[in-house]
Amino acid sequence: MRIWKIYILSMHLTIHSSFSLVAFSLLLSACSESFTDSRDGQSYDVVKIGGLTWMAENLNFETTGSFCPEGDSRNCKRLGRLYSWAEAKSVCPDGWRLPTKGDFESLVAAQSPSQSRAGAALKAKDGWFKKGNGSDEFGFNALPAGYRGAISKADDGTISGGKFDGIGGYAYFWSATEDSENPESNAYYLFLSFSSDAASLNAFAKDDYRSVRCVTP
């Protein structure tokens, strides 16, 4: 009788262990979602937050009007590319779009009841300098690609402006929403800093080049 009981217990443990492994595998699969851009074959991690699916990486689709952070092609792989607002509006893959100011407000609200801690929850766990890394609580994995200033070209062909700045310290994500006070020149973006746990939505020049995170329902 004791042998029979041990046999039954052994079967139970084997079945339980097998079920646990299957369940664990399914959990990993559910947490490891990704999207492949058919235009260039690049794959992006994605995450569901507040009813929307977000890219968990900065967009890295090459266009003639986009730039790698600091002008170095090696930075594109991890930090994505920088786009002007006009290009950002149409650069997302089919089925995806540039987030609105309201989308970003909902994203921030999902991280923290107040904006004072939302930045820390959005920032990646590494890649920010001077101990500015975040907790990345929801898997958004915000990375500090910085920005590039507007480029101007004189009548004689001389090019000025276009300075790169903020890599490692600041993240700027374009929104599709124009500034109501200055719609011709400014649009909103989500701003995160190495020196703050906060997240803010600011309006600035459309001609600057900033990061893009695409979103889909």
C-alpha atoms as a PDB file:
ATOM      1  CA  MET A   1       0.000   0.000   0.000  1.00  0.00           C
ATOM      2  CA  ARG A   2       2.845   2.401   0.779  1.00  0.00           C
ATOM      3  CA  ILE A   3       4.432   1.719  -2.598  1.00  0.00           C
ATOM      4  CA  TRP A   4       1.108   2.558  -4.302  1.00  0.00           C
ATOM      5  CA  LYS A   5       0.826   5.837  -2.429  1.00  0.00           C
ATOM      6  CA  ILE A   6       4.361   6.798  -3.382  1.00  0.00           C
ATOM      7  CA  TYR A   7       3.609   5.963  -7.012  1.00  0.00           C
ATOM      8  CA  ILE A   8       0.492   8.137  -7.008  1.00  0.00           C
ATOM      9  CA  LEU A   9       2.445  11.001  -5.399  1.00  0.00           C
ATOM     10  CA  SER A  10       5.170  10.615  -7.989  1.00  0.00           C
ATOM     11  CA  MET A  11       2.638  10.807 -10.822  1.00  0.00           C
ATOM     12  CA  HIS A  12       1.064  13.898  -9.249  1.00  0.00           C
ATOM     13  CA  LEU A  13       4.412  15.664  -8.993  1.00  0.00           C
ATOM     14  CA  THR A  14       5.284  14.773 -12.584  1.00  0.00           C
ATOM     15  CA  ILE A  15       1.948  16.044 -13.910  1.00  0.00           C
ATOM     16  CA  HIS A  16       2.113  19.154 -11.734  1.00  0.00           C
ATOM     17  CA  SER A  17       5.676  19.913 -12.876  1.00  0.00           C
ATOM     18  CA  SER A  18       4.750  19.449 -16.529  1.00  0.00           C
ATOM     19  CA  PHE A  19       1.725  21.717 -16.148  1.00  0.00           C
ATOM     20  CA  SER A  20       3.840  24.354 -14.407  1.00  0.00           C
ATOM     21  CA  LEU A  21       6.392  24.311 -17.220  1.00  0.00           C
ATOM     22  CA  VAL A  22       3.674  24.714 -19.841  1.00  0.00           C
ATOM     23  CA  ALA A  23       2.037  27.553 -17.899  1.00  0.00           C
ATOM     24  CA  PHE A  24       5.399  29.257 -17.427  1.00  0.00           C
ATOM     25  CA  SER A  25       6.150  28.942 -21.145  1.00  0.00           C
ATOM     26  CA  LEU A  26       2.783  30.478 -22.018  1.00  0.00           C
ATOM     27  CA  LEU A  27       3.442  33.328 -19.588  1.00  0.00           C
ATOM     28  CA  LEU A  28       6.804  34.058 -21.177  1.00  0.00           C
ATOM     29  CA  SER A  29       5.217  33.976 -24.609  1.00  0.00           C
ATOM     30  CA  ALA A  30       2.521  36.455 -23.544  1.00  0.00           C
ATOM     31  CA  CYS A  31       5.115  38.821 -22.066  1.00  0.00           C
ATOM     32  CA  SER A  32       7.436  38.698 -25.074  1.00  0.00           C
ATOM     33  CA  GLU A  33       5.276  40.257 -27.777  1.00  0.00           C
ATOM     34  CA  SER A  34       6.899  41.836 -30.791  1.00  0.00           C
ATOM     35  CA  PHE A  35       6.047  43.423 -34.135  1.00  0.00           C
ATOM     36  CA  THR A  36       7.977  43.170 -37.394  1.00  0.00           C
ATOM     37  CA  ASP A  37       7.936  46.155 -39.743  1.00  0.00           C
ATOM     38  CA  SER A  38       7.327  44.734 -43.235  1.00  0.00           C
ATOM     39  CA  ARG A  39       9.064  47.741 -44.820  1.00  0.00           C
ATOM     40  CA  ASP A  40      12.549  46.792 -43.638  1.00  0.00           C
ATOM     41  CA  GLY A  41      12.143  43.599 -41.566  1.00  0.00           C
ATOM     42  CA  GLN A  42      13.065  45.236 -38.271  1.00  0.00           C
ATOM     43  CA  SER A  43      11.435  43.776 -35.162  1.00  0.00           C
ATOM     44  CA  TYR A  44      10.224  45.863 -32.210  1.00  0.00           C
ATOM     45  CA  ASP A  45       9.169  44.833 -28.726  1.00  0.00           C
ATOM     46  CA  VAL A  46       5.647  46.028 -27.934  1.00  0.00           C
ATOM     47  CA  VAL A  47       3.727  46.486 -24.692  1.00  0.00           C
ATOM     48  CA  LYS A  48       0.040  46.949 -23.827  1.00  0.00           C
ATOM     49  CA  ILE A  49      -0.571  49.902 -21.493  1.00  0.00           C
ATOM     50  CA  GLY A  50      -3.887  51.565 -20.740  1.00  0.00           C
ATOM     51  CA  GLY A  51      -5.828  49.987 -23.585  1.00  0.00           C
ATOM     52  CA  LEU A  52      -3.253  50.801 -26.278  1.00  0.00           C
ATOM     53  CA  THR A  53      -0.337  48.816 -27.655  1.00  0.00           C
ATOM     54  CA  TRP A  54       2.903  50.801 -27.712  1.00  0.00           C
ATOM     55  CA  MET A  55       6.222  50.129 -29.347  1.00  0.00           C
ATOM     56  CA  ALA A  56       8.676  49.521 -26.518  1.00  0.00           C
ATOM     57  CA  GLU A  57      11.564  50.732 -28.661  1.00  0.00           C
ATOM     58  CA  ASN A  58      12.270  53.948 -30.540  1.00  0.00           C
ATOM     59  CA  LEU A  59      11.354  53.749 -34.215  1.00  0.00           C
ATOM     60  CA  ASN A  60      14.355  53.079 -36.462  1.00  0.00           C
ATOM     61  CA  PHE A  61      12.876  53.270 -39.956  1.00  0.00           C
ATOM     62  CA  GLU A  62      15.356  55.028 -42.223  1.00  0.00           C
ATOM     63  CA  THR A  63      14.150  57.945 -44.334  1.00  0.00           C
ATOM     64  CA  THR A  64      16.110  60.567 -46.234  1.00  0.00           C
ATOM     65  CA  GLY A  65      15.040  63.207 -43.719  1.00  0.00           C
ATOM     66  CA  SER A  66      15.864  61.313 -40.510  1.00  0.00           C
ATOM     67  CA  PHE A  67      19.081  61.104 -38.496  1.00  0.00           C
ATOM     68  CA  CYS A  68      20.841  58.796 -36.066  1.00  0.00           C
ATOM     69  CA  PRO A  69      21.475  60.394 -32.641  1.00  0.00           C
ATOM     70  CA  GLU A  70      24.741  62.353 -32.639  1.00  0.00           C
ATOM     71  CA  GLY A  71      24.987  61.588 -36.372  1.00  0.00           C
ATOM     72  CA  ASP A  72      26.468  58.166 -35.563  1.00  0.00           C
ATOM     73  CA  SER A  73      24.863  55.159 -37.309  1.00  0.00           C
ATOM     74  CA  ARG A  74      25.852  52.927 -34.396  1.00  0.00           C
ATOM     75  CA  ASN A  75      23.367  54.784 -32.162  1.00  0.00           C
ATOM     76  CA  CYS A  76      20.381  53.973 -34.368  1.00  0.00           C
ATOM     77  CA  LYS A  77      20.248  50.305 -33.417  1.00  0.00           C
ATOM     78  CA  ARG A  78      19.528  50.993 -29.747  1.00  0.00           C
ATOM     79  CA  LEU A  79      18.154  54.553 -29.773  1.00  0.00           C
ATOM     80  CA  GLY A  80      16.258  54.663 -33.061  1.00  0.00           C
ATOM     81  CA  ARG A  81      16.210  57.626 -35.450  1.00  0.00           C
ATOM     82  CA  LEU A  82      15.255  61.293 -35.022  1.00  0.00           C
ATOM     83  CA  TYR A  83      12.476  62.799 -37.168  1.00  0.00           C
ATOM     84  CA  SER A  84      10.979  66.217 -37.798  1.00  0.00           C
ATOM     85  CA  TRP A  85       7.330  66.541 -36.777  1.00  0.00           C
ATOM     86  CA  ALA A  86       6.117  66.582 -40.398  1.00  0.00           C
ATOM     87  CA  GLU A  87       7.836  63.272 -41.077  1.00  0.00           C
ATOM     88  CA  ALA A  88       6.931  61.769 -37.705  1.00  0.00           C
ATOM     89  CA  LYS A  89       3.235  62.060 -38.577  1.00  0.00           C
ATOM     90  CA  SER A  90       3.549  59.580 -41.438  1.00  0.00           C
ATOM     91  CA  VAL A  91       6.561  57.409 -40.600  1.00  0.00           C
ATOM     92  CA  CYS A  92       4.806  54.738 -38.500  1.00  0.00           C
ATOM     93  CA  PRO A  93       4.091  51.353 -40.173  1.00  0.00           C
ATOM     94  CA  ASP A  94       0.642  50.467 -41.541  1.00  0.00           C
ATOM     95  CA  GLY A  95      -1.794  49.899 -38.666  1.00  0.00           C
ATOM     96  CA  TRP A  96       0.260  52.115 -36.353  1.00  0.00           C
ATOM     97  CA  ARG A  97       0.188  55.878 -35.790  1.00  0.00           C
ATOM     98  CA  LEU A  98       1.893  58.701 -33.962  1.00  0.00           C
ATOM     99  CA  PRO A  99       0.406  59.085 -30.440  1.00  0.00           C
ATOM    100  CA  THR A 100      -1.712  62.123 -29.632  1.00  0.00           C
ATOM    101  CA  LYS A 101      -1.151  64.357 -26.632  1.00  0.00           C
ATOM    102  CA  GLY A 102      -4.131  62.567 -25.030  1.00  0.00           C
ATOM    103  CA  ASP A 103      -2.484  59.179 -25.612  1.00  0.00           C
ATOM    104  CA  PHE A 104       0.614  60.360 -23.786  1.00  0.00           C
ATOM    105  CA  GLU A 105      -1.471  61.810 -20.958  1.00  0.00           C
ATOM    106  CA  SER A 106      -3.152  58.411 -20.516  1.00  0.00           C
ATOM    107  CA  LEU A 107       0.243  56.688 -20.616  1.00  0.00           C
ATOM    108  CA  VAL A 108       1.603  58.977 -17.906  1.00  0.00           C
ATOM    109  CA  ALA A 109      -1.532  58.503 -15.774  1.00  0.00           C
ATOM    110  CA  ALA A 110      -1.140  54.723 -16.012  1.00  0.00           C
ATOM    111  CA  GLN A 111       2.362  54.939 -14.520  1.00  0.00           C
ATOM    112  CA  SER A 112       1.609  57.120 -11.517  1.00  0.00           C
ATOM    113  CA  PRO A 113      -1.277  59.135  -9.996  1.00  0.00           C
ATOM    114  CA  SER A 114       0.900  62.206 -10.420  1.00  0.00           C
ATOM    115  CA  GLN A 115       3.406  63.144 -13.099  1.00  0.00           C
ATOM    116  CA  SER A 116       6.114  63.512 -10.446  1.00  0.00           C
ATOM    117  CA  ARG A 117       6.938  59.777 -10.504  1.00  0.00           C
ATOM    118  CA  ALA A 118       5.712  58.753 -13.953  1.00  0.00           C
ATOM    119  CA  GLY A 119       9.044  59.454 -15.623  1.00  0.00           C
ATOM    120  CA  ALA A 120      10.869  56.963 -13.416  1.00  0.00           C
ATOM    121  CA  ALA A 121       8.305  54.279 -14.261  1.00  0.00           C
ATOM    122  CA  LEU A 122       8.670  54.941 -17.999  1.00  0.00           C
ATOM    123  CA  LYS A 123      12.463  55.158 -18.223  1.00  0.00           C
ATOM    124  CA  ALA A 124      14.574  52.109 -19.092  1.00  0.00           C
ATOM    125  CA  LYS A 125      16.598  50.438 -16.353  1.00  0.00           C
ATOM    126  CA  ASP A 126      19.857  51.332 -18.095  1.00  0.00           C
ATOM    127  CA  GLY A 127      21.198  53.719 -20.714  1.00  0.00           C
ATOM    128  CA  TRP A 128      20.643  56.963 -18.759  1.00  0.00           C
ATOM    129  CA  PHE A 129      23.670  58.717 -17.335  1.00  0.00           C
ATOM    130  CA  LYS A 130      24.385  60.058 -13.827  1.00  0.00           C
ATOM    131  CA  LYS A 131      22.159  57.499 -12.076  1.00  0.00           C
ATOM    132  CA  GLY A 132      19.183  58.648 -14.111  1.00  0.00           C
ATOM    133  CA  ASN A 133      17.907  55.159 -14.924  1.00  0.00           C
ATOM    134  CA  GLY A 134      14.274  54.330 -14.280  1.00  0.00           C
ATOM    135  CA  SER A 135      12.329  51.344 -12.936  1.00  0.00           C
ATOM    136  CA  ASP A 136      10.602  50.557 -16.270  1.00  0.00           C
ATOM    137  CA  GLU A 137       7.624  49.200 -14.365  1.00  0.00           C
ATOM    138  CA  PHE A 138       5.379  48.628 -17.395  1.00  0.00           C
ATOM    139  CA  GLY A 139       8.004  47.754 -20.016  1.00  0.00           C
ATOM    140  CA  PHE A 140       7.854  51.027 -21.966  1.00  0.00           C
ATOM    141  CA  ASN A 141      11.665  51.142 -21.924  1.00  0.00           C
ATOM    142  CA  ALA A 142      12.100  54.860 -22.663  1.00  0.00           C
ATOM    143  CA  LEU A 143      15.586  55.601 -23.995  1.00  0.00           C
ATOM    144  CA  PRO A 144      17.414  58.968 -24.105  1.00  0.00           C
ATOM    145  CA  ALA A 145      18.176  59.639 -27.772  1.00  0.00           C
ATOM    146  CA  GLY A 146      18.287  63.406 -27.293  1.00  0.00           C
ATOM    147  CA  TYR A 147      17.328  65.555 -30.277  1.00  0.00           C
ATOM    148  CA  ARG A 148      18.670  67.487 -33.249  1.00  0.00           C
ATOM    149  CA  GLY A 149      17.926  71.171 -33.727  1.00  0.00           C
ATOM    150  CA  ALA A 150      16.275  72.578 -36.840  1.00  0.00           C
ATOM    151  CA  ILE A 151      18.408  72.841 -39.961  1.00  0.00           C
ATOM    152  CA  SER A 152      18.295  76.024 -42.021  1.00  0.00           C
ATOM    153  CA  LYS A 153      19.668  76.602 -45.501  1.00  0.00           C
ATOM    154  CA  ALA A 154      20.587  80.070 -46.775  1.00  0.00           C
ATOM    155  CA  ASP A 155      20.088  81.243 -50.356  1.00  0.00           C
ATOM    156  CA  ASP A 156      23.784  80.685 -51.050  1.00  0.00           C
ATOM    157  CA  GLY A 157      23.456  77.058 -49.944  1.00  0.00           C
ATOM    158  CA  THR A 158      25.090  77.524 -46.557  1.00  0.00           C
ATOM    159  CA  ILE A 159      23.610  75.171 -43.946  1.00  0.00           C
ATOM    160  CA  SER A 160      23.372  76.193 -40.303  1.00  0.00           C
ATOM    161  CA  GLY A 161      21.852  74.790 -37.118  1.00  0.00           C
ATOM    162  CA  GLY A 162      21.215  71.099 -36.786  1.00  0.00           C
ATOM    163  CA  LYS A 163      23.144  70.660 -33.545  1.00  0.00           C
ATOM    164  CA  PHE A 164      22.731  67.303 -31.775  1.00  0.00           C
ATOM    165  CA  ASP A 165      22.204  67.432 -28.029  1.00  0.00           C
ATOM    166  CA  GLY A 166      20.922  65.489 -25.029  1.00  0.00           C
ATOM    167  CA  ILE A 167      21.896  61.904 -25.891  1.00  0.00           C
ATOM    168  CA  GLY A 168      22.036  59.831 -22.703  1.00  0.00           C
ATOM    169  CA  GLY A 169      20.229  62.499 -20.723  1.00  0.00           C
ATOM    170  CA  TYR A 170      16.911  63.336 -22.367  1.00  0.00           C
ATOM    171  CA  ALA A 171      14.098  61.636 -24.271  1.00  0.00           C
ATOM    172  CA  TYR A 172      11.695  63.557 -26.521  1.00  0.00           C
ATOM    173  CA  PHE A 173       8.797  61.661 -28.132  1.00  0.00           C
ATOM    174  CA  TRP A 174       6.722  63.460 -30.750  1.00  0.00           C
ATOM    175  CA  SER A 175       2.944  63.574 -30.435  1.00  0.00           C
ATOM    176  CA  ALA A 176       0.540  64.205 -33.314  1.00  0.00           C
ATOM    177  CA  THR A 177      -1.010  67.184 -31.500  1.00  0.00           C
ATOM    178  CA  GLU A 178      -0.177  70.744 -32.480  1.00  0.00           C
ATOM    179  CA  ASP A 179       0.202  73.535 -29.946  1.00  0.00           C
ATOM    180  CA  SER A 180      -3.125  75.386 -29.984  1.00  0.00           C
ATOM    181  CA  GLU A 181      -1.387  78.702 -29.288  1.00  0.00           C
ATOM    182  CA  ASN A 182       1.233  78.283 -32.013  1.00  0.00           C
ATOM    183  CA  PRO A 183      -0.083  75.568 -34.357  1.00  0.00           C
ATOM    184  CA  GLU A 184       2.000  76.668 -37.331  1.00  0.00           C
ATOM    185  CA  SER A 185       5.311  76.271 -35.573  1.00  0.00           C
ATOM    186  CA  ASN A 186       4.950  74.048 -32.481  1.00  0.00           C
ATOM    187  CA  ALA A 187       3.730  70.572 -31.532  1.00  0.00           C
ATOM    188  CA  TYR A 188       3.624  68.612 -28.271  1.00  0.00           C
ATOM    189  CA  TYR A 189       6.099  65.959 -27.176  1.00  0.00           C
ATOM    190  CA  LEU A 190       6.606  63.789 -24.096  1.00  0.00           C
ATOM    191  CA  PHE A 191       9.757  64.783 -22.210  1.00  0.00           C
ATOM    192  CA  LEU A 192      11.820  62.662 -19.799  1.00  0.00           C
ATOM    193  CA  SER A 193      15.080  63.651 -18.096  1.00  0.00           C
ATOM    194  CA  PHE A 194      17.944  61.837 -16.373  1.00  0.00           C
ATOM    195  CA  SER A 195      17.740  64.347 -13.511  1.00  0.00           C
ATOM    196  CA  SER A 196      14.034  63.941 -12.728  1.00  0.00           C
ATOM    197  CA  ASP A 197      11.486  61.219 -11.946  1.00  0.00           C
ATOM    198  CA  ALA A 198       8.771  63.335 -13.576  1.00  0.00           C
ATOM    199  CA  ALA A 199       7.224  63.202 -17.044  1.00  0.00           C
ATOM    200  CA  SER A 200       5.939  66.282 -18.838  1.00  0.00           C
ATOM    201  CA  LEU A 201       4.224  67.269 -22.067  1.00  0.00           C
ATOM    202  CA  ASN A 202       5.723  70.322 -23.718  1.00  0.00           C
ATOM    203  CA  ALA A 203       5.260  72.130 -27.023  1.00  0.00           C
ATOM    204  CA  PHE A 204       8.250  73.065 -29.118  1.00  0.00           C
ATOM    205  CA  ALA A 205       9.429  73.675 -32.697  1.00  0.00           C
ATOM    206  CA  LYS A 206       8.144  71.230 -35.313  1.00  0.00           C
ATOM    207  CA  ASP A 207      11.388  71.606 -37.259  1.00  0.00           C
ATOM    208  CA  ASP A 208      13.459  69.939 -34.528  1.00  0.00           C
ATOM    209  CA  TYR A 209      14.206  66.236 -34.849  1.00  0.00           C
ATOM    210  CA  ARG A 210      12.964  63.960 -32.077  1.00  0.00           C
ATOM    211  CA  SER A 211      12.205  60.302 -31.333  1.00  0.00           C
ATOM    212  CA  VAL A 212       9.052  58.436 -32.352  1.00  0.00           C
ATOM    213  CA  ARG A 213       7.103  55.737 -30.525  1.00  0.00           C
ATOM    214  CA  CYS A 214       4.211  54.352 -32.575  1.00  0.00           C
ATOM    215  CA  VAL A 215       0.916  53.172 -31.063  1.00  0.00           C
ATOM    216  CA  THR A 216      -2.012  51.005 -32.149  1.00  0.00           C
ATOM    217  CA  PRO A 217      -5.358  50.048 -30.518  1.00  0.00           C
END
